[in-house]
Structures are given as structure tokens and as C-alpha cells.
Amino acid sequence: MTKKKKKKNSQKDNPSLEVIKNTVKHIKEKVDKFCDQMKSVEKNLIQVSLNKQSINTLKNNVKNINDTRIPNIKRLCFRKYLFRIC
């Protein structure tokens, strides 16, 4: 009978604890960086939403001004015009 020799496991087959720790550390850094980017994106989206609300508010204000003041100005101009004619 022949004895089978056990193969020695190479480091490539079984990574050492240090390699695993470095890999986990690298993954954690990537995840942290990604989380920071997502927080930044969230802040930007909130700012865009606030800007959109502000724009809509300004549009409504301009519309209200146009609806109230322009007819009054037209009426006043027309009265001044009539007064000049008379």
C-alpha cells in the first residue's frame, strides 16, 4: 500500500487572516464612501425640492401681482388718458 501524501495548502487557497482583514477594511471604506455620497445626494435633492417650492411660490406671487395690479394700472392709465382728453 502506498501512503498518500497530504498536500500543503498554499496561501492562495486559504487566505490568511490579514488578507481577510484588509479586504473587510477595504469594503468598509468603500461602503462608508458610498454612504457619504448618498447623504450628499439626499441633501442636494432636498435643496432642489426647496428650490422648486420657492420657484412655485414666486410664480404664484407674480401671478397674483399680475392679476391684481396690472388691471388697476391699466384702469388708472385709462382714467389719466380720459382726463387728458377732456
PDB file of N, CA and C in Angstrom:
ATOM      1  N   MET A   1       0.835  -1.168   0.000  1.00  0.00           N
ATOM      2  CA  MET A   1       0.000   0.000   0.000  1.00  0.00           C
ATOM      3  C   MET A   1       0.887   1.241   0.000  1.00  0.00           C
ATOM      4  N   THR A   2       0.359   2.195  -0.702  1.00  0.00           N
ATOM      5  CA  THR A   2       1.104   3.439  -0.762  1.00  0.00           C
ATOM      6  C   THR A   2       0.413   4.477   0.104  1.00  0.00           C
ATOM      7  N   LYS A   3       1.221   5.237   0.735  1.00  0.00           N
ATOM      8  CA  LYS A   3       0.654   6.304   1.556  1.00  0.00           C
ATOM      9  C   LYS A   3       0.467   7.539   0.680  1.00  0.00           C
ATOM     10  N   LYS A   4      -0.687   8.129   0.855  1.00  0.00           N
ATOM     11  CA  LYS A   4      -0.934   9.366   0.113  1.00  0.00           C
ATOM     12  C   LYS A   4      -0.359  10.527   0.904  1.00  0.00           C
ATOM     13  N   LYS A   5       0.376  11.326   0.215  1.00  0.00           N
ATOM     14  CA  LYS A   5       0.947  12.489   0.874  1.00  0.00           C
ATOM     15  C   LYS A   5      -0.107  13.599   0.910  1.00  0.00           C
ATOM     16  N   LYS A   6      -0.182  14.229   2.036  1.00  0.00           N
ATOM     17  CA  LYS A   6      -1.103  15.358   2.151  1.00  0.00           C
ATOM     18  C   LYS A   6      -0.487  16.560   1.452  1.00  0.00           C
ATOM     19  N   LYS A   7      -1.324  17.218   0.688  1.00  0.00           N
ATOM     20  CA  LYS A   7      -0.842  18.421   0.006  1.00  0.00           C
ATOM     21  C   LYS A   7      -0.848  19.572   1.001  1.00  0.00           C
ATOM     22  N   LYS A   8       0.190  20.323   0.931  1.00  0.00           N
ATOM     23  CA  LYS A   8       0.231  21.506   1.781  1.00  0.00           C
ATOM     24  C   LYS A   8      -0.630  22.585   1.141  1.00  0.00           C
ATOM     25  N   ASN A   9      -1.459  23.173   1.964  1.00  0.00           N
ATOM     26  CA  ASN A   9      -2.316  24.247   1.456  1.00  0.00           C
ATOM     27  C   ASN A   9      -1.481  25.491   1.232  1.00  0.00           C
ATOM     28  N   SER A  10      -1.617  26.007   0.077  1.00  0.00           N
ATOM     29  CA  SER A  10      -0.886  27.232  -0.226  1.00  0.00           C
ATOM     30  C   SER A  10      -1.682  28.435   0.273  1.00  0.00           C
ATOM     31  N   GLN A  11      -1.030  29.551   0.339  1.00  0.00           N
ATOM     32  CA  GLN A  11      -1.704  30.768   0.789  1.00  0.00           C
ATOM     33  C   GLN A  11      -2.770  31.202  -0.208  1.00  0.00           C
ATOM     34  N   LYS A  12      -2.603  30.809  -1.444  1.00  0.00           N
ATOM     35  CA  LYS A  12      -3.595  31.181  -2.455  1.00  0.00           C
ATOM     36  C   LYS A  12      -4.913  30.467  -2.200  1.00  0.00           C
ATOM     37  N   ASP A  13      -4.833  29.261  -1.734  1.00  0.00           N
ATOM     38  CA  ASP A  13      -6.053  28.505  -1.470  1.00  0.00           C
ATOM     39  C   ASP A  13      -6.744  28.977  -0.194  1.00  0.00           C
ATOM     40  N   ASN A  14      -5.988  29.237   0.831  1.00  0.00           N
ATOM     41  CA  ASN A  14      -6.543  29.693   2.104  1.00  0.00           C
ATOM     42  C   ASN A  14      -5.932  31.044   2.452  1.00  0.00           C
ATOM     43  N   PRO A  15      -6.659  32.097   2.209  1.00  0.00           N
ATOM     44  CA  PRO A  15      -6.088  33.411   2.506  1.00  0.00           C
ATOM     45  C   PRO A  15      -5.871  33.573   4.011  1.00  0.00           C
ATOM     46  N   SER A  16      -4.868  34.270   4.322  1.00  0.00           N
ATOM     47  CA  SER A  16      -4.542  34.474   5.728  1.00  0.00           C
ATOM     48  C   SER A  16      -5.522  35.452   6.360  1.00  0.00           C
ATOM     49  N   LEU A  17      -5.481  35.495   7.650  1.00  0.00           N
ATOM     50  CA  LEU A  17      -6.359  36.385   8.402  1.00  0.00           C
ATOM     51  C   LEU A  17      -6.092  37.842   8.046  1.00  0.00           C
ATOM     52  N   GLU A  18      -4.852  38.188   7.812  1.00  0.00           N
ATOM     53  CA  GLU A  18      -4.509  39.574   7.450  1.00  0.00           C
ATOM     54  C   GLU A  18      -5.147  39.974   6.120  1.00  0.00           C
ATOM     55  N   VAL A  19      -5.128  39.067   5.171  1.00  0.00           N
ATOM     56  CA  VAL A  19      -5.730  39.359   3.865  1.00  0.00           C
ATOM     57  C   VAL A  19      -7.228  39.584   4.031  1.00  0.00           C
ATOM     58  N   ILE A  20      -7.857  38.747   4.833  1.00  0.00           N
ATOM     59  CA  ILE A  20      -9.300  38.893   5.068  1.00  0.00           C
ATOM     60  C   ILE A  20      -9.582  40.218   5.764  1.00  0.00           C
ATOM     61  N   LYS A  21      -8.775  40.564   6.765  1.00  0.00           N
ATOM     62  CA  LYS A  21      -8.963  41.839   7.475  1.00  0.00           C
ATOM     63  C   LYS A  21      -8.814  43.020   6.523  1.00  0.00           C
ATOM     64  N   ASN A  22      -7.802  42.963   5.669  1.00  0.00           N
ATOM     65  CA  ASN A  22      -7.590  44.056   4.713  1.00  0.00           C
ATOM     66  C   ASN A  22      -8.748  44.159   3.731  1.00  0.00           C
ATOM     67  N   THR A  23      -9.258  43.021   3.308  1.00  0.00           N
ATOM     68  CA  THR A  23     -10.395  43.026   2.383  1.00  0.00           C
ATOM     69  C   THR A  23     -11.624  43.628   3.048  1.00  0.00           C
ATOM     70  N   VAL A  24     -11.878  43.222   4.283  1.00  0.00           N
ATOM     71  CA  VAL A  24     -13.025  43.758   5.026  1.00  0.00           C
ATOM     72  C   VAL A  24     -12.855  45.258   5.243  1.00  0.00           C
ATOM     73  N   LYS A  25     -11.650  45.680   5.582  1.00  0.00           N
ATOM     74  CA  LYS A  25     -11.373  47.107   5.780  1.00  0.00           C
ATOM     75  C   LYS A  25     -11.624  47.884   4.488  1.00  0.00           C
ATOM     76  N   HIS A  26     -11.157  47.337   3.392  1.00  0.00           N
ATOM     77  CA  HIS A  26     -11.344  47.987   2.092  1.00  0.00           C
ATOM     78  C   HIS A  26     -12.835  48.102   1.753  1.00  0.00           C
ATOM     79  N   ILE A  27     -13.574  47.022   1.984  1.00  0.00           N
ATOM     80  CA  ILE A  27     -15.019  47.041   1.712  1.00  0.00           C
ATOM     81  C   ILE A  27     -15.710  48.063   2.601  1.00  0.00           C
ATOM     82  N   LYS A  28     -15.322  48.118   3.880  1.00  0.00           N
ATOM     83  CA  LYS A  28     -15.920  49.088   4.806  1.00  0.00           C
ATOM     84  C   LYS A  28     -15.658  50.518   4.340  1.00  0.00           C
ATOM     85  N   GLU A  29     -14.444  50.793   3.887  1.00  0.00           N
ATOM     86  CA  GLU A  29     -14.120  52.131   3.384  1.00  0.00           C
ATOM     87  C   GLU A  29     -14.985  52.485   2.177  1.00  0.00           C
ATOM     88  N   LYS A  30     -15.155  51.520   1.284  1.00  0.00           N
ATOM     89  CA  LYS A  30     -15.982  51.762   0.096  1.00  0.00           C
ATOM     90  C   LYS A  30     -17.434  52.027   0.486  1.00  0.00           C
ATOM     91  N   VAL A  31     -17.943  51.244   1.437  1.00  0.00           N
ATOM     92  CA  VAL A  31     -19.326  51.415   1.890  1.00  0.00           C
ATOM     93  C   VAL A  31     -19.494  52.772   2.568  1.00  0.00           C
ATOM     94  N   ASP A  32     -18.541  53.165   3.404  1.00  0.00           N
ATOM     95  CA  ASP A  32     -18.601  54.469   4.061  1.00  0.00           C
ATOM     96  C   ASP A  32     -18.588  55.598   3.037  1.00  0.00           C
ATOM     97  N   LYS A  33     -17.734  55.470   2.046  1.00  0.00           N
ATOM     98  CA  LYS A  33     -17.661  56.488   0.993  1.00  0.00           C
ATOM     99  C   LYS A  33     -18.985  56.564   0.236  1.00  0.00           C
ATOM    100  N   PHE A  34     -19.548  55.408  -0.067  1.00  0.00           N
ATOM    101  CA  PHE A  34     -20.829  55.370  -0.767  1.00  0.00           C
ATOM    102  C   PHE A  34     -21.931  56.008   0.079  1.00  0.00           C
ATOM    103  N   CYS A  35     -21.940  55.722   1.385  1.00  0.00           N
ATOM    104  CA  CYS A  35     -22.942  56.310   2.280  1.00  0.00           C
ATOM    105  C   CYS A  35     -22.810  57.832   2.315  1.00  0.00           C
ATOM    106  N   ASP A  36     -21.582  58.324   2.355  1.00  0.00           N
ATOM    107  CA  ASP A  36     -21.360  59.773   2.330  1.00  0.00           C
ATOM    108  C   ASP A  36     -21.891  60.381   1.034  1.00  0.00           C
ATOM    109  N   GLN A  37     -21.643  59.700  -0.073  1.00  0.00           N
ATOM    110  CA  GLN A  37     -22.145  60.194  -1.357  1.00  0.00           C
ATOM    111  C   GLN A  37     -23.673  60.214  -1.369  1.00  0.00           C
ATOM    112  N   MET A  38     -24.286  59.199  -0.806  1.00  0.00           N
ATOM    113  CA  MET A  38     -25.750  59.141  -0.776  1.00  0.00           C
ATOM    114  C   MET A  38     -26.318  60.240   0.113  1.00  0.00           C
ATOM    115  N   LYS A  39     -25.637  60.539   1.222  1.00  0.00           N
ATOM    116  CA  LYS A  39     -26.079  61.638   2.083  1.00  0.00           C
ATOM    117  C   LYS A  39     -25.999  62.954   1.327  1.00  0.00           C
ATOM    118  N   SER A  40     -24.932  63.119   0.569  1.00  0.00           N
ATOM    119  CA  SER A  40     -24.773  64.330  -0.226  1.00  0.00           C
ATOM    120  C   SER A  40     -25.871  64.431  -1.282  1.00  0.00           C
ATOM    121  N   VAL A  41     -26.169  63.319  -1.926  1.00  0.00           N
ATOM    122  CA  VAL A  41     -27.238  63.300  -2.929  1.00  0.00           C
ATOM    123  C   VAL A  41     -28.573  63.640  -2.272  1.00  0.00           C
ATOM    124  N   GLU A  42     -28.808  63.098  -1.088  1.00  0.00           N
ATOM    125  CA  GLU A  42     -30.059  63.373  -0.377  1.00  0.00           C
ATOM    126  C   GLU A  42     -30.176  64.860  -0.050  1.00  0.00           C
ATOM    127  N   LYS A  43     -29.084  65.460   0.419  1.00  0.00           N
ATOM    128  CA  LYS A  43     -29.095  66.897   0.712  1.00  0.00           C
ATOM    129  C   LYS A  43     -29.384  67.699  -0.550  1.00  0.00           C
ATOM    130  N   ASN A  44     -28.762  67.306  -1.660  1.00  0.00           N
ATOM    131  CA  ASN A  44     -28.994  68.007  -2.923  1.00  0.00           C
ATOM    132  C   ASN A  44     -30.444  67.882  -3.366  1.00  0.00           C
ATOM    133  N   LEU A  45     -31.019  66.700  -3.198  1.00  0.00           N
ATOM    134  CA  LEU A  45     -32.420  66.509  -3.576  1.00  0.00           C
ATOM    135  C   LEU A  45     -33.344  67.356  -2.712  1.00  0.00           C
ATOM    136  N   ILE A  46     -33.045  67.440  -1.432  1.00  0.00           N
ATOM    137  CA  ILE A  46     -33.847  68.279  -0.539  1.00  0.00           C
ATOM    138  C   ILE A  46     -33.738  69.733  -0.977  1.00  0.00           C
ATOM    139  N   GLN A  47     -32.524  70.171  -1.307  1.00  0.00           N
ATOM    140  CA  GLN A  47     -32.328  71.552  -1.747  1.00  0.00           C
ATOM    141  C   GLN A  47     -33.071  71.816  -3.046  1.00  0.00           C
ATOM    142  N   VAL A  48     -33.032  70.868  -3.965  1.00  0.00           N
ATOM    143  CA  VAL A  48     -33.753  71.018  -5.230  1.00  0.00           C
ATOM    144  C   VAL A  48     -35.250  71.114  -4.968  1.00  0.00           C
ATOM    145  N   SER A  49     -35.734  70.302  -4.058  1.00  0.00           N
ATOM    146  CA  SER A  49     -37.156  70.335  -3.720  1.00  0.00           C
ATOM    147  C   SER A  49     -37.535  71.688  -3.129  1.00  0.00           C
ATOM    148  N   LEU A  50     -36.691  72.192  -2.226  1.00  0.00           N
ATOM    149  CA  LEU A  50     -36.954  73.506  -1.638  1.00  0.00           C
ATOM    150  C   LEU A  50     -36.904  74.592  -2.705  1.00  0.00           C
ATOM    151  N   ASN A  51     -35.941  74.496  -3.619  1.00  0.00           N
ATOM    152  CA  ASN A  51     -35.847  75.475  -4.697  1.00  0.00           C
ATOM    153  C   ASN A  51     -37.086  75.420  -5.583  1.00  0.00           C
ATOM    154  N   LYS A  52     -37.567  74.217  -5.853  1.00  0.00           N
ATOM    155  CA  LYS A  52     -38.766  74.068  -6.675  1.00  0.00           C
ATOM    156  C   LYS A  52     -39.969  74.701  -5.980  1.00  0.00           C
ATOM    157  N   GLN A  53     -40.084  74.476  -4.671  1.00  0.00           N
ATOM    158  CA  GLN A  53     -41.181  75.082  -3.916  1.00  0.00           C
ATOM    159  C   GLN A  53     -41.070  76.602  -3.940  1.00  0.00           C
ATOM    160  N   SER A  54     -39.856  77.105  -3.792  1.00  0.00           N
ATOM    161  CA  SER A  54     -39.646  78.554  -3.820  1.00  0.00           C
ATOM    162  C   SER A  54     -40.019  79.126  -5.183  1.00  0.00           C
ATOM    163  N   ILE A  55     -39.640  78.429  -6.235  1.00  0.00           N
ATOM    164  CA  ILE A  55     -39.971  78.887  -7.586  1.00  0.00           C
ATOM    165  C   ILE A  55     -41.481  78.908  -7.777  1.00  0.00           C
ATOM    166  N   ASN A  56     -42.157  77.867  -7.315  1.00  0.00           N
ATOM    167  CA  ASN A  56     -43.615  77.829  -7.439  1.00  0.00           C
ATOM    168  C   ASN A  56     -44.261  78.948  -6.637  1.00  0.00           C
ATOM    169  N   THR A  57     -43.731  79.216  -5.448  1.00  0.00           N
ATOM    170  CA  THR A  57     -44.254  80.312  -4.633  1.00  0.00           C
ATOM    171  C   THR A  57     -44.056  81.645  -5.351  1.00  0.00           C
ATOM    172  N   LEU A  58     -42.876  81.840  -5.914  1.00  0.00           N
ATOM    173  CA  LEU A  58     -42.612  83.084  -6.644  1.00  0.00           C
ATOM    174  C   LEU A  58     -43.521  83.220  -7.865  1.00  0.00           C
ATOM    175  N   LYS A  59     -43.737  82.115  -8.569  1.00  0.00           N
ATOM    176  CA  LYS A  59     -44.640  82.150  -9.721  1.00  0.00           C
ATOM    177  C   LYS A  59     -46.043  82.558  -9.290  1.00  0.00           C
ATOM    178  N   ASN A  60     -46.500  81.975  -8.189  1.00  0.00           N
ATOM    179  CA  ASN A  60     -47.833  82.322  -7.692  1.00  0.00           C
ATOM    180  C   ASN A  60     -47.897  83.781  -7.266  1.00  0.00           C
ATOM    181  N   ASN A  61     -46.831  84.267  -6.633  1.00  0.00           N
ATOM    182  CA  ASN A  61     -46.806  85.674  -6.229  1.00  0.00           C
ATOM    183  C   ASN A  61     -46.864  86.591  -7.447  1.00  0.00           C
ATOM    184  N   VAL A  62     -46.088  86.263  -8.467  1.00  0.00           N
ATOM    185  CA  VAL A  62     -46.099  87.077  -9.685  1.00  0.00           C
ATOM    186  C   VAL A  62     -47.475  87.031 -10.336  1.00  0.00           C
ATOM    187  N   LYS A  63     -48.072  85.865 -10.367  1.00  0.00           N
ATOM    188  CA  LYS A  63     -49.408  85.733 -10.950  1.00  0.00           C
ATOM    189  C   LYS A  63     -50.412  86.579 -10.175  1.00  0.00           C
ATOM    190  N   ASN A  64     -50.328  86.516  -8.845  1.00  0.00           N
ATOM    191  CA  ASN A  64     -51.239  87.321  -8.030  1.00  0.00           C
ATOM    192  C   ASN A  64     -51.023  88.811  -8.261  1.00  0.00           C
ATOM    193  N   ILE A  65     -49.766  89.205  -8.367  1.00  0.00           N
ATOM    194  CA  ILE A  65     -49.471  90.616  -8.634  1.00  0.00           C
ATOM    195  C   ILE A  65     -50.033  91.011  -9.994  1.00  0.00           C
ATOM    196  N   ASN A  66     -49.824  90.160 -10.982  1.00  0.00           N
ATOM    197  CA  ASN A  66     -50.333  90.459 -12.317  1.00  0.00           C
ATOM    198  C   ASN A  66     -51.854  90.516 -12.324  1.00  0.00           C
ATOM    199  N   ASP A  67     -52.477  89.627 -11.581  1.00  0.00           N
ATOM    200  CA  ASP A  67     -53.939  89.596 -11.544  1.00  0.00           C
ATOM    201  C   ASP A  67     -54.526  90.808 -10.839  1.00  0.00           C
ATOM    202  N   THR A  68     -53.827  91.357  -9.857  1.00  0.00           N
ATOM    203  CA  THR A  68     -54.395  92.473  -9.093  1.00  0.00           C
ATOM    204  C   THR A  68     -53.880  93.827  -9.560  1.00  0.00           C
ATOM    205  N   ARG A  69     -52.607  93.973  -9.746  1.00  0.00           N
ATOM    206  CA  ARG A  69     -52.039  95.299 -10.006  1.00  0.00           C
ATOM    207  C   ARG A  69     -52.159  95.733 -11.457  1.00  0.00           C
ATOM    208  N   ILE A  70     -51.962  94.821 -12.383  1.00  0.00           N
ATOM    209  CA  ILE A  70     -51.978  95.229 -13.790  1.00  0.00           C
ATOM    210  C   ILE A  70     -53.349  95.772 -14.195  1.00  0.00           C
ATOM    211  N   PRO A  71     -54.447  95.118 -13.828  1.00  0.00           N
ATOM    212  CA  PRO A  71     -55.737  95.737 -14.168  1.00  0.00           C
ATOM    213  C   PRO A  71     -55.908  97.114 -13.526  1.00  0.00           C
ATOM    214  N   ASN A  72     -55.416  97.256 -12.286  1.00  0.00           N
ATOM    215  CA  ASN A  72     -55.505  98.562 -11.624  1.00  0.00           C
ATOM    216  C   ASN A  72     -54.673  99.603 -12.360  1.00  0.00           C
ATOM    217  N   ILE A  73     -53.488  99.220 -12.776  1.00  0.00           N
ATOM    218  CA  ILE A  73     -52.623 100.148 -13.514  1.00  0.00           C
ATOM    219  C   ILE A  73     -53.267 100.508 -14.847  1.00  0.00           C
ATOM    220  N   LYS A  74     -53.826  99.528 -15.523  1.00  0.00           N
ATOM    221  CA  LYS A  74     -54.495  99.799 -16.800  1.00  0.00           C
ATOM    222  C   LYS A  74     -55.667 100.753 -16.590  1.00  0.00           C
ATOM    223  N   ARG A  75     -56.403 100.512 -15.523  1.00  0.00           N
ATOM    224  CA  ARG A  75     -57.553 101.374 -15.245  1.00  0.00           C
ATOM    225  C   ARG A  75     -57.088 102.796 -14.957  1.00  0.00           C
ATOM    226  N   LEU A  76     -56.030 102.935 -14.154  1.00  0.00           N
ATOM    227  CA  LEU A  76     -55.507 104.263 -13.835  1.00  0.00           C
ATOM    228  C   LEU A  76     -54.989 104.960 -15.089  1.00  0.00           C
ATOM    229  N   CYS A  77     -54.277 104.232 -15.919  1.00  0.00           N
ATOM    230  CA  CYS A  77     -53.763 104.820 -17.158  1.00  0.00           C
ATOM    231  C   CYS A  77     -54.919 105.264 -18.051  1.00  0.00           C
ATOM    232  N   PHE A  78     -55.931 104.455 -18.113  1.00  0.00           N
ATOM    233  CA  PHE A  78     -57.083 104.811 -18.941  1.00  0.00           C
ATOM    234  C   PHE A  78     -57.766 106.062 -18.392  1.00  0.00           C
ATOM    235  N   ARG A  79     -57.893 106.152 -17.070  1.00  0.00           N
ATOM    236  CA  ARG A  79     -58.510 107.340 -16.461  1.00  0.00           C
ATOM    237  C   ARG A  79     -57.679 108.586 -16.747  1.00  0.00           C
ATOM    238  N   LYS A  80     -56.345 108.466 -16.623  1.00  0.00           N
ATOM    239  CA  LYS A  80     -55.480 109.613 -16.910  1.00  0.00           C
ATOM    240  C   LYS A  80     -55.615 110.018 -18.372  1.00  0.00           C
ATOM    241  N   TYR A  81     -55.702 109.035 -19.243  1.00  0.00           N
ATOM    242  CA  TYR A  81     -55.857 109.309 -20.661  1.00  0.00           C
ATOM    243  C   TYR A  81     -57.176 110.042 -20.911  1.00  0.00           C
ATOM    244  N   LEU A  82     -58.251 109.560 -20.283  1.00  0.00           N
ATOM    245  CA  LEU A  82     -59.552 110.219 -20.444  1.00  0.00           C
ATOM    246  C   LEU A  82     -59.514 111.631 -19.885  1.00  0.00           C
ATOM    247  N   PHE A  83     -58.851 111.813 -18.764  1.00  0.00           N
ATOM    248  CA  PHE A  83     -58.777 113.125 -18.146  1.00  0.00           C
ATOM    249  C   PHE A  83     -58.031 114.101 -19.054  1.00  0.00           C
ATOM    250  N   ARG A  84     -57.000 113.633 -19.735  1.00  0.00           N
ATOM    251  CA  ARG A  84     -56.249 114.489 -20.642  1.00  0.00           C
ATOM    252  C   ARG A  84     -57.099 114.891 -21.844  1.00  0.00           C
ATOM    253  N   ILE A  85     -57.901 113.954 -22.299  1.00  0.00           N
ATOM    254  CA  ILE A  85     -58.722 114.250 -23.474  1.00  0.00           C
ATOM    255  C   ILE A  85     -59.780 115.295 -23.139  1.00  0.00           C
ATOM    256  N   CYS A  86     -60.341 115.186 -21.956  1.00  0.00           N
ATOM    257  CA  CYS A  86     -61.443 116.070 -21.569  1.00  0.00           C
ATOM    258  C   CYS A  86     -61.002 117.420 -21.190  1.00  0.00           C
TER     259      CYS A  86
END
